[in-house]
Amino acid sequence: MEDQNNAEQLKKELYLQYIQLIEEAYNLSESDQAQSDISSFEAKKILEQLSALEFTREVQPA
């Protein structure tokens, strides 16, 4: 049960980081395209981590 709580907490933290990076990328898109691209790339990596967590949760037996 504790592992499930840790996984849920990690997912929540990653999701908040993802949202922050997407907002940052959007806000920078007009003023600093290079930094916007970096933020978008970092957000994509976090989204991939979230997808992997979801996949492993679905694959694990109940």
N, C-alpha and C. Protein backbone atom coordinates (compact mmCIF):
# COMPACT_ATOMS: atom_id res chain seq x y z
N MET A 1 0.82 -1.20 0.00
CA MET A 1 0.00 0.00 0.00
C MET A 1 0.86 1.26 0.00
N GLU A 2 1.97 1.19 0.73
CA GLU A 2 2.86 2.35 0.79
C GLU A 2 3.49 2.63 -0.56
N ASP A 3 3.83 1.55 -1.30
CA ASP A 3 4.39 1.73 -2.64
C ASP A 3 3.40 2.42 -3.56
N GLN A 4 2.12 2.10 -3.42
CA GLN A 4 1.09 2.73 -4.24
C GLN A 4 0.98 4.22 -3.90
N ASN A 5 1.07 4.54 -2.61
CA ASN A 5 1.02 5.95 -2.20
C ASN A 5 2.23 6.71 -2.72
N ASN A 6 3.41 6.07 -2.68
CA ASN A 6 4.61 6.70 -3.20
C ASN A 6 4.50 6.93 -4.70
N ALA A 7 3.94 5.95 -5.41
CA ALA A 7 3.78 6.09 -6.86
C ALA A 7 2.79 7.21 -7.18
N GLU A 8 1.72 7.28 -6.43
CA GLU A 8 0.73 8.35 -6.65
C GLU A 8 1.34 9.72 -6.37
N GLN A 9 2.15 9.81 -5.31
CA GLN A 9 2.80 11.08 -4.98
C GLN A 9 3.78 11.48 -6.07
N LEU A 10 4.54 10.51 -6.58
CA LEU A 10 5.48 10.78 -7.66
C LEU A 10 4.74 11.25 -8.91
N LYS A 11 3.64 10.59 -9.24
CA LYS A 11 2.86 11.00 -10.41
C LYS A 11 2.35 12.43 -10.25
N LYS A 12 1.90 12.77 -9.05
CA LYS A 12 1.40 14.11 -8.80
C LYS A 12 2.50 15.15 -8.96
N GLU A 13 3.68 14.86 -8.41
CA GLU A 13 4.81 15.79 -8.53
C GLU A 13 5.24 15.95 -9.98
N LEU A 14 5.30 14.84 -10.71
CA LEU A 14 5.69 14.91 -12.12
C LEU A 14 4.66 15.69 -12.93
N TYR A 15 3.38 15.47 -12.63
CA TYR A 15 2.34 16.18 -13.36
C TYR A 15 2.44 17.70 -13.11
N LEU A 16 2.69 18.09 -11.88
CA LEU A 16 2.83 19.52 -11.57
C LEU A 16 4.04 20.12 -12.28
N GLN A 17 5.15 19.36 -12.34
CA GLN A 17 6.32 19.83 -13.08
C GLN A 17 6.00 19.96 -14.56
N TYR A 18 5.27 19.00 -15.10
CA TYR A 18 4.88 19.03 -16.50
C TYR A 18 4.06 20.29 -16.81
N ILE A 19 3.05 20.55 -15.97
CA ILE A 19 2.20 21.73 -16.18
C ILE A 19 3.03 23.01 -16.11
N GLN A 20 3.93 23.08 -15.15
CA GLN A 20 4.77 24.27 -15.00
C GLN A 20 5.64 24.48 -16.24
N LEU A 21 6.22 23.41 -16.76
CA LEU A 21 7.07 23.53 -17.94
C LEU A 21 6.28 23.90 -19.19
N ILE A 22 5.09 23.37 -19.33
CA ILE A 22 4.25 23.72 -20.49
C ILE A 22 3.87 25.20 -20.43
N GLU A 23 3.51 25.67 -19.25
CA GLU A 23 3.18 27.10 -19.10
C GLU A 23 4.38 27.97 -19.39
N GLU A 24 5.54 27.55 -18.90
CA GLU A 24 6.77 28.30 -19.15
C GLU A 24 7.08 28.35 -20.64
N ALA A 25 6.94 27.21 -21.31
CA ALA A 25 7.20 27.16 -22.74
C ALA A 25 6.26 28.09 -23.50
N TYR A 26 5.00 28.09 -23.11
CA TYR A 26 4.02 28.96 -23.76
C TYR A 26 4.37 30.43 -23.54
N ASN A 27 4.70 30.78 -22.31
CA ASN A 27 5.01 32.18 -22.00
C ASN A 27 6.28 32.65 -22.70
N LEU A 28 7.22 31.75 -22.91
CA LEU A 28 8.47 32.12 -23.57
C LEU A 28 8.39 32.08 -25.09
N SER A 29 7.33 31.53 -25.62
CA SER A 29 7.26 31.30 -27.07
C SER A 29 7.37 32.58 -27.90
N GLU A 30 6.98 33.69 -27.34
CA GLU A 30 7.07 34.96 -28.08
C GLU A 30 8.40 35.68 -27.87
N SER A 31 9.03 35.47 -26.72
CA SER A 31 10.22 36.24 -26.39
C SER A 31 11.53 35.48 -26.55
N ASP A 32 11.53 34.20 -26.26
CA ASP A 32 12.77 33.40 -26.31
C ASP A 32 12.44 32.00 -26.82
N GLN A 33 12.46 31.85 -28.11
CA GLN A 33 12.05 30.59 -28.73
C GLN A 33 12.94 29.43 -28.30
N ALA A 34 14.24 29.68 -28.16
CA ALA A 34 15.15 28.60 -27.78
C ALA A 34 14.81 28.07 -26.38
N GLN A 35 14.59 28.96 -25.45
CA GLN A 35 14.24 28.54 -24.09
C GLN A 35 12.87 27.87 -24.07
N SER A 36 11.97 28.35 -24.89
CA SER A 36 10.66 27.73 -25.02
C SER A 36 10.79 26.29 -25.50
N ASP A 37 11.65 26.07 -26.47
CA ASP A 37 11.89 24.72 -26.99
C ASP A 37 12.48 23.81 -25.92
N ILE A 38 13.39 24.34 -25.11
CA ILE A 38 14.00 23.56 -24.04
C ILE A 38 12.95 23.16 -23.01
N SER A 39 12.10 24.09 -22.64
CA SER A 39 11.04 23.79 -21.68
C SER A 39 10.07 22.75 -22.25
N SER A 40 9.75 22.87 -23.52
CA SER A 40 8.87 21.90 -24.17
C SER A 40 9.50 20.52 -24.17
N PHE A 41 10.79 20.45 -24.46
CA PHE A 41 11.49 19.18 -24.47
C PHE A 41 11.49 18.54 -23.08
N GLU A 42 11.77 19.34 -22.06
CA GLU A 42 11.77 18.82 -20.69
C GLU A 42 10.37 18.34 -20.29
N ALA A 43 9.36 19.07 -20.72
CA ALA A 43 7.98 18.66 -20.44
C ALA A 43 7.68 17.33 -21.11
N LYS A 44 8.17 17.15 -22.32
CA LYS A 44 7.94 15.89 -23.04
C LYS A 44 8.60 14.73 -22.32
N LYS A 45 9.80 14.93 -21.79
CA LYS A 45 10.47 13.87 -21.05
C LYS A 45 9.68 13.50 -19.80
N ILE A 46 9.13 14.48 -19.11
CA ILE A 46 8.32 14.21 -17.92
C ILE A 46 7.05 13.47 -18.31
N LEU A 47 6.44 13.86 -19.42
CA LEU A 47 5.24 13.17 -19.88
C LEU A 47 5.54 11.70 -20.19
N GLU A 48 6.70 11.43 -20.74
CA GLU A 48 7.10 10.05 -21.00
C GLU A 48 7.25 9.27 -19.70
N GLN A 49 7.80 9.91 -18.66
CA GLN A 49 7.92 9.27 -17.35
C GLN A 49 6.54 8.95 -16.79
N LEU A 50 5.63 9.89 -16.93
CA LEU A 50 4.26 9.66 -16.45
C LEU A 50 3.61 8.50 -17.19
N SER A 51 3.82 8.44 -18.48
CA SER A 51 3.25 7.34 -19.28
C SER A 51 3.84 6.01 -18.84
N ALA A 52 5.13 5.98 -18.56
CA ALA A 52 5.77 4.75 -18.11
C ALA A 52 5.21 4.32 -16.76
N LEU A 53 4.98 5.26 -15.87
CA LEU A 53 4.38 4.93 -14.57
C LEU A 53 2.99 4.36 -14.74
N GLU A 54 2.21 4.93 -15.62
CA GLU A 54 0.86 4.43 -15.87
C GLU A 54 0.91 3.02 -16.46
N PHE A 55 1.85 2.81 -17.37
CA PHE A 55 1.97 1.50 -18.01
C PHE A 55 2.34 0.44 -16.97
N THR A 56 3.32 0.73 -16.11
CA THR A 56 3.72 -0.26 -15.12
C THR A 56 2.60 -0.52 -14.11
N ARG A 57 1.81 0.48 -13.82
CA ARG A 57 0.69 0.30 -12.89
C ARG A 57 -0.35 -0.62 -13.52
N GLU A 58 -0.59 -0.49 -14.82
CA GLU A 58 -1.58 -1.31 -15.50
C GLU A 58 -1.10 -2.75 -15.68
N VAL A 59 0.20 -2.95 -15.81
CA VAL A 59 0.76 -4.27 -16.07
C VAL A 59 0.85 -5.09 -14.77
N GLN A 60 1.07 -4.44 -13.64
CA GLN A 60 1.22 -5.16 -12.38
C GLN A 60 -0.07 -5.88 -12.00
N PRO A 61 0.06 -7.10 -11.49
CA PRO A 61 -1.12 -7.82 -11.06
C PRO A 61 -1.72 -7.19 -9.80
N ALA A 62 -3.01 -7.33 -9.64
CA ALA A 62 -3.71 -6.71 -8.51
C ALA A 62 -3.44 -7.41 -7.20
